[in-house]
Amino acid sequence: MPLISVVIPLYNKEPYIKRAIDSILAQKIQDYEIIVIDDGSTDKSAEVVKSFPDPRIRLIQQENAGVSAARNRGIEEAKAELIAFLDADDEWTPYFLETIWRLKEKYPEAGAYATGYKISRADEIKIADLKKFSPAPWEGPLQNYFKDAALGDHPVCSSAVCIPRNIIMELEGFKKGVAWGEDLDLWGRVALKYPIVYSCEVGVIYHKEAINRSFKKCLSHPIDDHPFVKSVQELLINEGIPSQKLCDLRECIAKYQIMTAIQNINAGYRKCAKNNLKKCNTKLFQKEKLFFYCLSMIPHPIYKKTMNIVLKIKKRDLIP
């Protein structure tokens, strides 16, 4: 049985999938399996995967069902007790798995293990801005995941995290049928029940300049709420949430609601975006809430021109 199962959801990433797999094969830890779930690609992505002779690589092809279904299929097929995720257009640094395994050995009770990451855009590469952390080599349990998630870049990147298989199964994996935010939903559900352990060592390069990233696809329908907002509502009804987490959790949810509104505005669903923002209860993000509410009133063609200007001025915290 391998130490770690690596799950790669794949959909039309022919230009990038070789880079992703090469970055796994270059790891200092070599006891792993790679499970690539080809989610109905129409390009030659699968052929690229098949070109690798390494027996640790398994390619499973299925009809297109979305990234959550692809990741969940990979989880079902995984043989290891620790499951890592890598998006097909991202890459690991050579010490990523070594860092993750060190965290697991030191903190076996954790619900997830994550590392720092760099964000690569067309015009720059920068280290994710995690405002409350000390610089590398700091590592350990996050003291307040939801506060960290509300400030700066998100502490957990979908390509820089490993989760024990039993915890993923307990939480029933990624939500299916979700157009956007399925990864943040799962990390949040983990954080509500278990510690998340983090190392500031950069383990991943997250490529935002890659074409066809899932969040760049035009939404086929409006998003009434971020999936994690719905998860929290279900927990409040069925199980409750510790009171000491509620204040920071509220601000984290507010950030996700604003991000959801941005997605709806970008796709032209202005009415739904207004509803997202009306439900947003925040002290930290009042200016952002008002700003995007005003943008939701602008006709879509004018909005697109406005956002081109805004993106040059304000690139980070709330703009996906």
C-alpha atoms as a PDB file:
ATOM      1  CA  MET A   1       0.000   0.000   0.000  1.00  0.00           C
ATOM      2  CA  PRO A   2       1.451   3.430  -0.918  1.00  0.00           C
ATOM      3  CA  LEU A   3       1.988   6.127   1.701  1.00  0.00           C
ATOM      4  CA  ILE A   4       0.030   8.710  -0.292  1.00  0.00           C
ATOM      5  CA  SER A   5      -2.537   8.650  -3.083  1.00  0.00           C
ATOM      6  CA  VAL A   6      -2.413  11.659  -5.402  1.00  0.00           C
ATOM      7  CA  VAL A   7      -5.703  12.520  -7.118  1.00  0.00           C
ATOM      8  CA  ILE A   8      -5.666  14.671 -10.264  1.00  0.00           C
ATOM      9  CA  PRO A   9      -9.007  15.734 -11.814  1.00  0.00           C
ATOM     10  CA  LEU A  10      -8.420  16.244 -15.521  1.00  0.00           C
ATOM     11  CA  TYR A  11     -10.529  18.092 -18.056  1.00  0.00           C
ATOM     12  CA  ASN A  12      -8.990  19.519 -21.241  1.00  0.00           C
ATOM     13  CA  LYS A  13      -5.610  20.371 -19.742  1.00  0.00           C
ATOM     14  CA  GLU A  14      -3.428  19.003 -22.520  1.00  0.00           C
ATOM     15  CA  PRO A  15      -0.884  21.864 -22.314  1.00  0.00           C
ATOM     16  CA  TYR A  16      -0.359  21.403 -18.553  1.00  0.00           C
ATOM     17  CA  ILE A  17      -0.907  17.823 -17.403  1.00  0.00           C
ATOM     18  CA  LYS A  18       2.655  16.700 -18.218  1.00  0.00           C
ATOM     19  CA  ARG A  19       4.052  19.489 -16.035  1.00  0.00           C
ATOM     20  CA  ALA A  20       1.791  18.425 -13.162  1.00  0.00           C
ATOM     21  CA  ILE A  21       2.767  14.737 -13.366  1.00  0.00           C
ATOM     22  CA  ASP A  22       6.455  15.564 -13.799  1.00  0.00           C
ATOM     23  CA  SER A  23       6.307  17.580 -10.574  1.00  0.00           C
ATOM     24  CA  ILE A  24       4.981  14.516  -8.727  1.00  0.00           C
ATOM     25  CA  LEU A  25       7.604  12.221 -10.187  1.00  0.00           C
ATOM     26  CA  ALA A  26      10.281  14.681  -8.976  1.00  0.00           C
ATOM     27  CA  GLN A  27       9.214  14.370  -5.324  1.00  0.00           C
ATOM     28  CA  LYS A  28      11.799  13.421  -2.706  1.00  0.00           C
ATOM     29  CA  ILE A  29       9.253  10.951  -1.316  1.00  0.00           C
ATOM     30  CA  GLN A  30       8.556   8.330  -3.962  1.00  0.00           C
ATOM     31  CA  ASP A  31       6.095   6.021  -2.170  1.00  0.00           C
ATOM     32  CA  TYR A  32       2.847   7.131  -3.787  1.00  0.00           C
ATOM     33  CA  GLU A  33       0.310   6.362  -6.470  1.00  0.00           C
ATOM     34  CA  ILE A  34      -1.094   8.838  -8.995  1.00  0.00           C
ATOM     35  CA  ILE A  35      -4.764   8.571  -9.916  1.00  0.00           C
ATOM     36  CA  VAL A  36      -5.776  10.723 -12.879  1.00  0.00           C
ATOM     37  CA  ILE A  37      -9.522  11.026 -13.425  1.00  0.00           C
ATOM     38  CA  ASP A  38     -10.154  12.128 -16.993  1.00  0.00           C
ATOM     39  CA  ASP A  39     -13.548  13.793 -16.715  1.00  0.00           C
ATOM     40  CA  GLY A  40     -14.584  13.528 -20.349  1.00  0.00           C
ATOM     41  CA  SER A  41     -11.757  15.543 -21.929  1.00  0.00           C
ATOM     42  CA  THR A  42     -12.196  16.345 -25.618  1.00  0.00           C
ATOM     43  CA  ASP A  43      -8.546  17.210 -26.254  1.00  0.00           C
ATOM     44  CA  LYS A  44      -5.486  14.918 -26.040  1.00  0.00           C
ATOM     45  CA  SER A  45      -5.054  15.150 -22.268  1.00  0.00           C
ATOM     46  CA  ALA A  46      -5.584  11.399 -21.801  1.00  0.00           C
ATOM     47  CA  GLU A  47      -2.978  10.577 -24.457  1.00  0.00           C
ATOM     48  CA  VAL A  48      -0.423  12.684 -22.582  1.00  0.00           C
ATOM     49  CA  VAL A  49      -1.112  10.714 -19.397  1.00  0.00           C
ATOM     50  CA  LYS A  50      -0.854   7.402 -21.247  1.00  0.00           C
ATOM     51  CA  SER A  51       2.589   8.391 -22.534  1.00  0.00           C
ATOM     52  CA  PHE A  52       4.050   8.008 -19.029  1.00  0.00           C
ATOM     53  CA  PRO A  53       5.414   4.462 -18.510  1.00  0.00           C
ATOM     54  CA  ASP A  54       5.456   4.710 -14.696  1.00  0.00           C
ATOM     55  CA  PRO A  55       3.265   1.903 -13.234  1.00  0.00           C
ATOM     56  CA  ARG A  56       2.274   4.117 -10.289  1.00  0.00           C
ATOM     57  CA  ILE A  57       0.106   6.187 -12.643  1.00  0.00           C
ATOM     58  CA  ARG A  58      -3.490   5.093 -13.196  1.00  0.00           C
ATOM     59  CA  LEU A  59      -5.756   6.777 -15.736  1.00  0.00           C
ATOM     60  CA  ILE A  60      -9.493   6.416 -15.206  1.00  0.00           C
ATOM     61  CA  GLN A  61     -11.801   7.860 -17.842  1.00  0.00           C
ATOM     62  CA  GLN A  62     -15.428   8.804 -17.275  1.00  0.00           C
ATOM     63  CA  GLU A  63     -18.117  10.941 -18.839  1.00  0.00           C
ATOM     64  CA  ASN A  64     -17.986  14.587 -17.868  1.00  0.00           C
ATOM     65  CA  ALA A  65     -19.546  14.997 -14.428  1.00  0.00           C
ATOM     66  CA  GLY A  66     -17.672  17.946 -12.949  1.00  0.00           C
ATOM     67  CA  VAL A  67     -14.604  18.411 -10.775  1.00  0.00           C
ATOM     68  CA  SER A  68     -16.283  17.235  -7.547  1.00  0.00           C
ATOM     69  CA  ALA A  69     -17.341  13.949  -9.135  1.00  0.00           C
ATOM     70  CA  ALA A  70     -13.843  13.498 -10.570  1.00  0.00           C
ATOM     71  CA  ARG A  71     -12.142  14.083  -7.215  1.00  0.00           C
ATOM     72  CA  ASN A  72     -14.633  11.825  -5.432  1.00  0.00           C
ATOM     73  CA  ARG A  73     -13.974   9.066  -7.966  1.00  0.00           C
ATOM     74  CA  GLY A  74     -10.273   9.423  -7.281  1.00  0.00           C
ATOM     75  CA  ILE A  75     -10.905   9.160  -3.546  1.00  0.00           C
ATOM     76  CA  GLU A  76     -12.900   5.967  -4.077  1.00  0.00           C
ATOM     77  CA  GLU A  77     -10.058   4.461  -6.114  1.00  0.00           C
ATOM     78  CA  ALA A  78      -7.299   5.529  -3.702  1.00  0.00           C
ATOM     79  CA  LYS A  79      -5.361   2.840  -1.832  1.00  0.00           C
ATOM     80  CA  ALA A  80      -3.483   5.042   0.675  1.00  0.00           C
ATOM     81  CA  GLU A  81      -4.784   6.412   3.958  1.00  0.00           C
ATOM     82  CA  LEU A  82      -3.596   9.919   3.078  1.00  0.00           C
ATOM     83  CA  ILE A  83      -4.951  11.582  -0.056  1.00  0.00           C
ATOM     84  CA  ALA A  84      -3.324  14.535  -1.816  1.00  0.00           C
ATOM     85  CA  PHE A  85      -4.929  16.671  -4.500  1.00  0.00           C
ATOM     86  CA  LEU A  86      -3.245  18.347  -7.457  1.00  0.00           C
ATOM     87  CA  ASP A  87      -5.079  20.288 -10.148  1.00  0.00           C
ATOM     88  CA  ALA A  88      -3.903  19.387 -13.631  1.00  0.00           C
ATOM     89  CA  ASP A  89      -2.626  22.891 -14.372  1.00  0.00           C
ATOM     90  CA  ASP A  90      -0.630  23.320 -11.147  1.00  0.00           C
ATOM     91  CA  GLU A  91       2.679  21.858  -9.979  1.00  0.00           C
ATOM     92  CA  TRP A  92       4.440  20.803  -6.786  1.00  0.00           C
ATOM     93  CA  THR A  93       7.901  21.743  -5.619  1.00  0.00           C
ATOM     94  CA  PRO A  94      10.134  18.690  -4.991  1.00  0.00           C
ATOM     95  CA  TYR A  95       9.684  18.815  -1.192  1.00  0.00           C
ATOM     96  CA  PHE A  96       5.889  19.071  -1.055  1.00  0.00           C
ATOM     97  CA  LEU A  97       5.134  15.461  -0.080  1.00  0.00           C
ATOM     98  CA  GLU A  98       8.078  15.377   2.307  1.00  0.00           C
ATOM     99  CA  THR A  99       6.697  18.443   4.089  1.00  0.00           C
ATOM    100  CA  ILE A 100       3.217  16.951   4.222  1.00  0.00           C
ATOM    101  CA  TRP A 101       4.476  13.659   5.630  1.00  0.00           C
ATOM    102  CA  ARG A 102       6.491  15.498   8.305  1.00  0.00           C
ATOM    103  CA  LEU A 103       3.327  17.358   9.342  1.00  0.00           C
ATOM    104  CA  LYS A 104       1.379  14.103   9.521  1.00  0.00           C
ATOM    105  CA  GLU A 105       4.028  12.469  11.706  1.00  0.00           C
ATOM    106  CA  LYS A 106       4.039  15.458  14.092  1.00  0.00           C
ATOM    107  CA  TYR A 107       0.265  16.029  14.150  1.00  0.00           C
ATOM    108  CA  PRO A 108      -1.528  12.715  13.496  1.00  0.00           C
ATOM    109  CA  GLU A 109      -4.802  14.075  14.898  1.00  0.00           C
ATOM    110  CA  ALA A 110      -5.173  16.756  12.209  1.00  0.00           C
ATOM    111  CA  GLY A 111      -7.990  16.826   9.676  1.00  0.00           C
ATOM    112  CA  ALA A 112      -5.887  18.293   6.870  1.00  0.00           C
ATOM    113  CA  TYR A 113      -2.274  19.165   6.082  1.00  0.00           C
ATOM    114  CA  ALA A 114      -1.400  22.134   3.877  1.00  0.00           C
ATOM    115  CA  THR A 115       1.632  24.119   2.736  1.00  0.00           C
ATOM    116  CA  GLY A 116       2.358  27.574   1.482  1.00  0.00           C
ATOM    117  CA  TYR A 117       2.037  28.222  -2.230  1.00  0.00           C
ATOM    118  CA  LYS A 118       3.015  30.665  -4.924  1.00  0.00           C
ATOM    119  CA  ILE A 119       0.436  32.240  -7.224  1.00  0.00           C
ATOM    120  CA  SER A 120       1.578  32.503 -10.824  1.00  0.00           C
ATOM    121  CA  ARG A 121      -0.192  35.033 -13.012  1.00  0.00           C
ATOM    122  CA  ALA A 122       0.594  36.191 -16.521  1.00  0.00           C
ATOM    123  CA  ASP A 123       2.514  39.197 -15.196  1.00  0.00           C
ATOM    124  CA  GLU A 124       3.975  38.008 -11.876  1.00  0.00           C
ATOM    125  CA  ILE A 125       4.623  35.217  -9.376  1.00  0.00           C
ATOM    126  CA  LYS A 126       3.996  35.951  -5.708  1.00  0.00           C
ATOM    127  CA  ILE A 127       3.827  33.980  -2.471  1.00  0.00           C
ATOM    128  CA  ALA A 128       0.271  33.676  -1.160  1.00  0.00           C
ATOM    129  CA  ASP A 129      -0.424  36.492   1.299  1.00  0.00           C
ATOM    130  CA  LEU A 130      -1.244  34.838   4.623  1.00  0.00           C
ATOM    131  CA  LYS A 131      -1.177  37.896   6.839  1.00  0.00           C
ATOM    132  CA  LYS A 132      -1.213  36.299  10.271  1.00  0.00           C
ATOM    133  CA  PHE A 133       1.567  33.774   9.823  1.00  0.00           C
ATOM    134  CA  SER A 134       5.239  33.921  10.676  1.00  0.00           C
ATOM    135  CA  PRO A 135       7.680  33.377   7.786  1.00  0.00           C
ATOM    136  CA  ALA A 136       9.082  29.923   6.934  1.00  0.00           C
ATOM    137  CA  PRO A 137      10.025  27.607   8.573  1.00  0.00           C
ATOM    138  CA  TRP A 138       6.995  28.172  10.855  1.00  0.00           C
ATOM    139  CA  GLU A 139       4.545  25.273  10.936  1.00  0.00           C
ATOM    140  CA  GLY A 140       1.820  23.866  13.142  1.00  0.00           C
ATOM    141  CA  PRO A 141      -1.960  23.914  13.665  1.00  0.00           C
ATOM    142  CA  LEU A 142      -3.737  27.023  12.441  1.00  0.00           C
ATOM    143  CA  GLN A 143      -4.999  28.850  15.502  1.00  0.00           C
ATOM    144  CA  ASN A 144      -7.989  30.338  13.720  1.00  0.00           C
ATOM    145  CA  TYR A 145      -8.670  28.918  10.272  1.00  0.00           C
ATOM    146  CA  PHE A 146     -11.758  31.048   9.608  1.00  0.00           C
ATOM    147  CA  LYS A 147     -10.049  34.294  10.523  1.00  0.00           C
ATOM    148  CA  ASP A 148      -7.110  33.346   8.323  1.00  0.00           C
ATOM    149  CA  ALA A 149      -9.506  32.427   5.507  1.00  0.00           C
ATOM    150  CA  ALA A 150     -11.166  35.838   5.762  1.00  0.00           C
ATOM    151  CA  LEU A 151      -7.893  37.767   5.551  1.00  0.00           C
ATOM    152  CA  GLY A 152      -5.513  37.761   2.600  1.00  0.00           C
ATOM    153  CA  ASP A 153      -5.174  34.758   0.309  1.00  0.00           C
ATOM    154  CA  HIS A 154      -6.802  31.549   1.460  1.00  0.00           C
ATOM    155  CA  PRO A 155      -4.583  29.374   3.715  1.00  0.00           C
ATOM    156  CA  VAL A 156      -5.563  26.169   1.893  1.00  0.00           C
ATOM    157  CA  CYS A 157      -5.045  25.816  -1.856  1.00  0.00           C
ATOM    158  CA  SER A 158      -6.722  22.914  -3.685  1.00  0.00           C
ATOM    159  CA  SER A 159      -3.317  21.754  -4.971  1.00  0.00           C
ATOM    160  CA  ALA A 160      -1.482  22.178  -1.637  1.00  0.00           C
ATOM    161  CA  VAL A 161      -3.493  19.995   0.719  1.00  0.00           C
ATOM    162  CA  CYS A 162      -3.672  16.375   1.884  1.00  0.00           C
ATOM    163  CA  ILE A 163      -6.525  14.888   3.899  1.00  0.00           C
ATOM    164  CA  PRO A 164      -6.748  11.530   5.684  1.00  0.00           C
ATOM    165  CA  ARG A 165      -9.052   9.187   3.812  1.00  0.00           C
ATOM    166  CA  ASN A 166     -11.215   8.427   6.853  1.00  0.00           C
ATOM    167  CA  ILE A 167     -11.997  12.116   7.358  1.00  0.00           C
ATOM    168  CA  ILE A 168     -12.932  12.632   3.713  1.00  0.00           C
ATOM    169  CA  MET A 169     -15.238   9.623   3.918  1.00  0.00           C
ATOM    170  CA  GLU A 170     -16.793  10.878   7.154  1.00  0.00           C
ATOM    171  CA  LEU A 171     -17.567  14.231   5.508  1.00  0.00           C
ATOM    172  CA  GLU A 172     -18.778  12.532   2.294  1.00  0.00           C
ATOM    173  CA  GLY A 173     -16.194  14.174   0.073  1.00  0.00           C
ATOM    174  CA  PHE A 174     -16.764  17.059  -2.288  1.00  0.00           C
ATOM    175  CA  LYS A 175     -20.311  18.208  -2.931  1.00  0.00           C
ATOM    176  CA  LYS A 176     -21.534  17.173  -6.354  1.00  0.00           C
ATOM    177  CA  GLY A 177     -23.507  19.440  -8.631  1.00  0.00           C
ATOM    178  CA  VAL A 178     -21.744  22.546  -7.325  1.00  0.00           C
ATOM    179  CA  ALA A 179     -20.681  25.056  -9.978  1.00  0.00           C
ATOM    180  CA  TRP A 180     -18.035  26.758  -7.879  1.00  0.00           C
ATOM    181  CA  GLY A 181     -16.491  26.770  -4.378  1.00  0.00           C
ATOM    182  CA  GLU A 182     -16.610  23.008  -3.764  1.00  0.00           C
ATOM    183  CA  ASP A 183     -13.011  23.004  -2.501  1.00  0.00           C
ATOM    184  CA  LEU A 184     -13.471  25.834   0.020  1.00  0.00           C
ATOM    185  CA  ASP A 185     -16.603  24.083   1.220  1.00  0.00           C
ATOM    186  CA  LEU A 186     -14.729  20.880   2.048  1.00  0.00           C
ATOM    187  CA  TRP A 187     -11.816  22.649   3.757  1.00  0.00           C
ATOM    188  CA  GLY A 188     -14.329  24.611   5.851  1.00  0.00           C
ATOM    189  CA  ARG A 189     -16.225  21.493   6.863  1.00  0.00           C
ATOM    190  CA  VAL A 190     -12.942  19.890   7.903  1.00  0.00           C
ATOM    191  CA  ALA A 191     -11.970  22.981   9.929  1.00  0.00           C
ATOM    192  CA  LEU A 192     -15.267  22.969  11.828  1.00  0.00           C
ATOM    193  CA  LYS A 193     -14.389  19.549  13.288  1.00  0.00           C
ATOM    194  CA  TYR A 194     -10.617  19.079  13.132  1.00  0.00           C
ATOM    195  CA  PRO A 195      -7.344  21.037  13.340  1.00  0.00           C
ATOM    196  CA  ILE A 196      -5.775  22.074  10.045  1.00  0.00           C
ATOM    197  CA  VAL A 197      -1.980  21.915  10.161  1.00  0.00           C
ATOM    198  CA  TYR A 198       0.034  24.273   7.999  1.00  0.00           C
ATOM    199  CA  SER A 199       3.633  24.788   6.920  1.00  0.00           C
ATOM    200  CA  CYS A 200       4.787  28.102   5.482  1.00  0.00           C
ATOM    201  CA  GLU A 201       7.252  26.258   3.265  1.00  0.00           C
ATOM    202  CA  VAL A 202       6.139  26.804  -0.340  1.00  0.00           C
ATOM    203  CA  GLY A 203       5.073  23.445  -1.747  1.00  0.00           C
ATOM    204  CA  VAL A 204       2.971  24.403  -4.763  1.00  0.00           C
ATOM    205  CA  ILE A 205       2.860  26.767  -7.719  1.00  0.00           C
ATOM    206  CA  TYR A 206      -0.771  27.665  -8.354  1.00  0.00           C
ATOM    207  CA  HIS A 207      -1.136  28.738 -11.975  1.00  0.00           C
ATOM    208  CA  LYS A 208      -3.848  31.369 -12.314  1.00  0.00           C
ATOM    209  CA  GLU A 209      -2.711  32.186 -15.829  1.00  0.00           C
ATOM    210  CA  ALA A 210      -3.686  28.708 -17.073  1.00  0.00           C
ATOM    211  CA  ILE A 211      -6.596  28.607 -19.503  1.00  0.00           C
ATOM    212  CA  ASN A 212      -9.893  26.957 -18.615  1.00  0.00           C
ATOM    213  CA  ARG A 213      -9.469  26.974 -14.841  1.00  0.00           C
ATOM    214  CA  SER A 214     -12.789  25.867 -13.398  1.00  0.00           C
ATOM    215  CA  PHE A 215     -13.659  29.250 -11.859  1.00  0.00           C
ATOM    216  CA  LYS A 216     -13.089  31.007 -15.193  1.00  0.00           C
ATOM    217  CA  LYS A 217     -15.798  29.063 -16.946  1.00  0.00           C
ATOM    218  CA  CYS A 218     -18.951  31.016 -17.648  1.00  0.00           C
ATOM    219  CA  LEU A 219     -21.637  29.922 -15.205  1.00  0.00           C
ATOM    220  CA  SER A 220     -24.561  28.142 -16.840  1.00  0.00           C
ATOM    221  CA  HIS A 221     -26.884  29.297 -14.039  1.00  0.00           C
ATOM    222  CA  PRO A 222     -26.726  31.773 -11.140  1.00  0.00           C
ATOM    223  CA  ILE A 223     -25.275  30.741  -7.757  1.00  0.00           C
ATOM    224  CA  ASP A 224     -27.798  31.404  -5.006  1.00  0.00           C
ATOM    225  CA  ASP A 225     -25.234  30.786  -2.231  1.00  0.00           C
ATOM    226  CA  HIS A 226     -21.671  29.635  -1.734  1.00  0.00           C
ATOM    227  CA  PRO A 227     -21.750  25.879  -0.928  1.00  0.00           C
ATOM    228  CA  PHE A 228     -20.015  26.446   2.419  1.00  0.00           C
ATOM    229  CA  VAL A 229     -22.757  28.886   3.443  1.00  0.00           C
ATOM    230  CA  LYS A 230     -25.252  26.067   2.922  1.00  0.00           C
ATOM    231  CA  SER A 231     -23.054  23.640   4.869  1.00  0.00           C
ATOM    232  CA  VAL A 232     -22.901  26.019   7.828  1.00  0.00           C
ATOM    233  CA  GLN A 233     -26.664  26.507   7.764  1.00  0.00           C
ATOM    234  CA  GLU A 234     -27.143  22.724   7.894  1.00  0.00           C
ATOM    235  CA  LEU A 235     -24.730  22.402  10.814  1.00  0.00           C
ATOM    236  CA  LEU A 236     -26.424  25.203  12.748  1.00  0.00           C
ATOM    237  CA  ILE A 237     -29.722  23.372  12.369  1.00  0.00           C
ATOM    238  CA  ASN A 238     -28.504  19.829  13.018  1.00  0.00           C
ATOM    239  CA  GLU A 239     -25.435  19.987  15.236  1.00  0.00           C
ATOM    240  CA  GLY A 240     -24.565  23.520  16.233  1.00  0.00           C
ATOM    241  CA  ILE A 241     -21.234  25.350  16.001  1.00  0.00           C
ATOM    242  CA  PRO A 242     -19.040  26.394  18.965  1.00  0.00           C
ATOM    243  CA  SER A 243     -19.815  29.992  19.911  1.00  0.00           C
ATOM    244  CA  GLN A 244     -16.112  30.996  19.940  1.00  0.00           C
ATOM    245  CA  LYS A 245     -15.933  30.279  16.211  1.00  0.00           C
ATOM    246  CA  LEU A 246     -19.063  32.145  15.170  1.00  0.00           C
ATOM    247  CA  CYS A 247     -17.661  35.679  14.879  1.00  0.00           C
ATOM    248  CA  ASP A 248     -14.745  34.751  12.631  1.00  0.00           C
ATOM    249  CA  LEU A 249     -16.902  32.219  10.811  1.00  0.00           C
ATOM    250  CA  ARG A 250     -19.381  35.001  10.009  1.00  0.00           C
ATOM    251  CA  GLU A 251     -16.645  37.111   8.393  1.00  0.00           C
ATOM    252  CA  CYS A 252     -15.327  34.131   6.442  1.00  0.00           C
ATOM    253  CA  ILE A 253     -18.839  33.479   5.153  1.00  0.00           C
ATOM    254  CA  ALA A 254     -19.208  37.163   4.267  1.00  0.00           C
ATOM    255  CA  LYS A 255     -16.061  36.972   2.163  1.00  0.00           C
ATOM    256  CA  TYR A 256     -17.394  33.893   0.373  1.00  0.00           C
ATOM    257  CA  GLN A 257     -20.729  35.628  -0.241  1.00  0.00           C
ATOM    258  CA  ILE A 258     -18.960  38.600  -1.824  1.00  0.00           C
ATOM    259  CA  MET A 259     -16.841  36.237  -3.929  1.00  0.00           C
ATOM    260  CA  THR A 260     -20.028  34.467  -5.013  1.00  0.00           C
ATOM    261  CA  ALA A 261     -21.606  37.791  -5.941  1.00  0.00           C
ATOM    262  CA  ILE A 262     -18.562  38.563  -8.087  1.00  0.00           C
ATOM    263  CA  GLN A 263     -18.989  35.266  -9.923  1.00  0.00           C
ATOM    264  CA  ASN A 264     -22.640  36.092 -10.598  1.00  0.00           C
ATOM    265  CA  ILE A 265     -21.802  39.627 -11.744  1.00  0.00           C
ATOM    266  CA  ASN A 266     -19.110  38.300 -14.071  1.00  0.00           C
ATOM    267  CA  ALA A 267     -21.647  35.931 -15.637  1.00  0.00           C
ATOM    268  CA  GLY A 268     -24.317  38.623 -15.944  1.00  0.00           C
ATOM    269  CA  TYR A 269     -26.589  37.383 -13.118  1.00  0.00           C
ATOM    270  CA  ARG A 270     -26.968  40.771 -11.473  1.00  0.00           C
ATOM    271  CA  LYS A 271     -30.175  40.026  -9.557  1.00  0.00           C
ATOM    272  CA  CYS A 272     -28.676  36.979  -7.895  1.00  0.00           C
ATOM    273  CA  ALA A 273     -25.512  38.953  -7.073  1.00  0.00           C
ATOM    274  CA  LYS A 274     -27.618  41.556  -5.277  1.00  0.00           C
ATOM    275  CA  ASN A 275     -29.255  38.810  -3.226  1.00  0.00           C
ATOM    276  CA  ASN A 276     -25.821  37.392  -2.311  1.00  0.00           C
ATOM    277  CA  LEU A 277     -24.755  40.804  -1.042  1.00  0.00           C
ATOM    278  CA  LYS A 278     -28.007  41.539   0.794  1.00  0.00           C
ATOM    279  CA  LYS A 279     -27.471  38.374   2.854  1.00  0.00           C
ATOM    280  CA  CYS A 280     -23.861  39.339   3.591  1.00  0.00           C
ATOM    281  CA  ASN A 281     -23.469  40.238   7.297  1.00  0.00           C
ATOM    282  CA  THR A 282     -20.021  41.771   7.774  1.00  0.00           C
ATOM    283  CA  LYS A 283     -18.012  44.342   9.665  1.00  0.00           C
ATOM    284  CA  LEU A 284     -14.707  43.765   7.886  1.00  0.00           C
ATOM    285  CA  PHE A 285     -15.930  43.991   4.303  1.00  0.00           C
ATOM    286  CA  GLN A 286     -18.502  46.786   4.354  1.00  0.00           C
ATOM    287  CA  LYS A 287     -16.688  48.787   1.667  1.00  0.00           C
ATOM    288  CA  GLU A 288     -16.296  45.777  -0.614  1.00  0.00           C
ATOM    289  CA  LYS A 289     -19.933  44.827  -0.109  1.00  0.00           C
ATOM    290  CA  LEU A 290     -21.096  48.325  -1.077  1.00  0.00           C
ATOM    291  CA  PHE A 291     -18.673  48.517  -3.997  1.00  0.00           C
ATOM    292  CA  PHE A 292     -19.829  45.295  -5.612  1.00  0.00           C
ATOM    293  CA  TYR A 293     -23.479  46.065  -4.896  1.00  0.00           C
ATOM    294  CA  CYS A 294     -23.012  49.231  -6.908  1.00  0.00           C
ATOM    295  CA  LEU A 295     -21.329  47.237  -9.663  1.00  0.00           C
ATOM    296  CA  SER A 296     -24.270  44.831  -9.726  1.00  0.00           C
ATOM    297  CA  MET A 297     -26.455  47.777 -10.787  1.00  0.00           C
ATOM    298  CA  ILE A 298     -24.358  48.481 -13.883  1.00  0.00           C
ATOM    299  CA  PRO A 299     -25.315  46.929 -17.252  1.00  0.00           C
ATOM    300  CA  HIS A 300     -23.056  43.998 -18.016  1.00  0.00           C
ATOM    301  CA  PRO A 301     -21.066  45.494 -20.962  1.00  0.00           C
ATOM    302  CA  ILE A 302     -20.211  48.582 -18.919  1.00  0.00           C
ATOM    303  CA  TYR A 303     -19.370  46.400 -15.922  1.00  0.00           C
ATOM    304  CA  LYS A 304     -16.820  44.403 -17.931  1.00  0.00           C
ATOM    305  CA  LYS A 305     -14.998  47.573 -18.950  1.00  0.00           C
ATOM    306  CA  THR A 306     -15.084  48.803 -15.347  1.00  0.00           C
ATOM    307  CA  MET A 307     -13.636  45.552 -14.037  1.00  0.00           C
ATOM    308  CA  ASN A 308     -10.715  45.725 -16.449  1.00  0.00           C
ATOM    309  CA  ILE A 309      -9.763  48.959 -14.719  1.00  0.00           C
ATOM    310  CA  VAL A 310     -10.469  47.614 -11.215  1.00  0.00           C
ATOM    311  CA  LEU A 311      -8.336  44.516 -11.763  1.00  0.00           C
ATOM    312  CA  LYS A 312      -5.339  46.702 -12.524  1.00  0.00           C
ATOM    313  CA  ILE A 313      -5.812  48.566  -9.257  1.00  0.00           C
ATOM    314  CA  LYS A 314      -7.028  45.884  -6.835  1.00  0.00           C
ATOM    315  CA  LYS A 315      -5.981  42.329  -7.638  1.00  0.00           C
ATOM    316  CA  ARG A 316      -6.132  40.335  -4.463  1.00  0.00           C
ATOM    317  CA  ASP A 317      -8.305  39.668  -1.476  1.00  0.00           C
ATOM    318  CA  LEU A 318     -11.832  39.386  -2.865  1.00  0.00           C
ATOM    319  CA  ILE A 319     -11.334  39.175  -6.621  1.00  0.00           C
ATOM    320  CA  PRO A 320     -10.964  35.482  -7.596  1.00  0.00           C
END
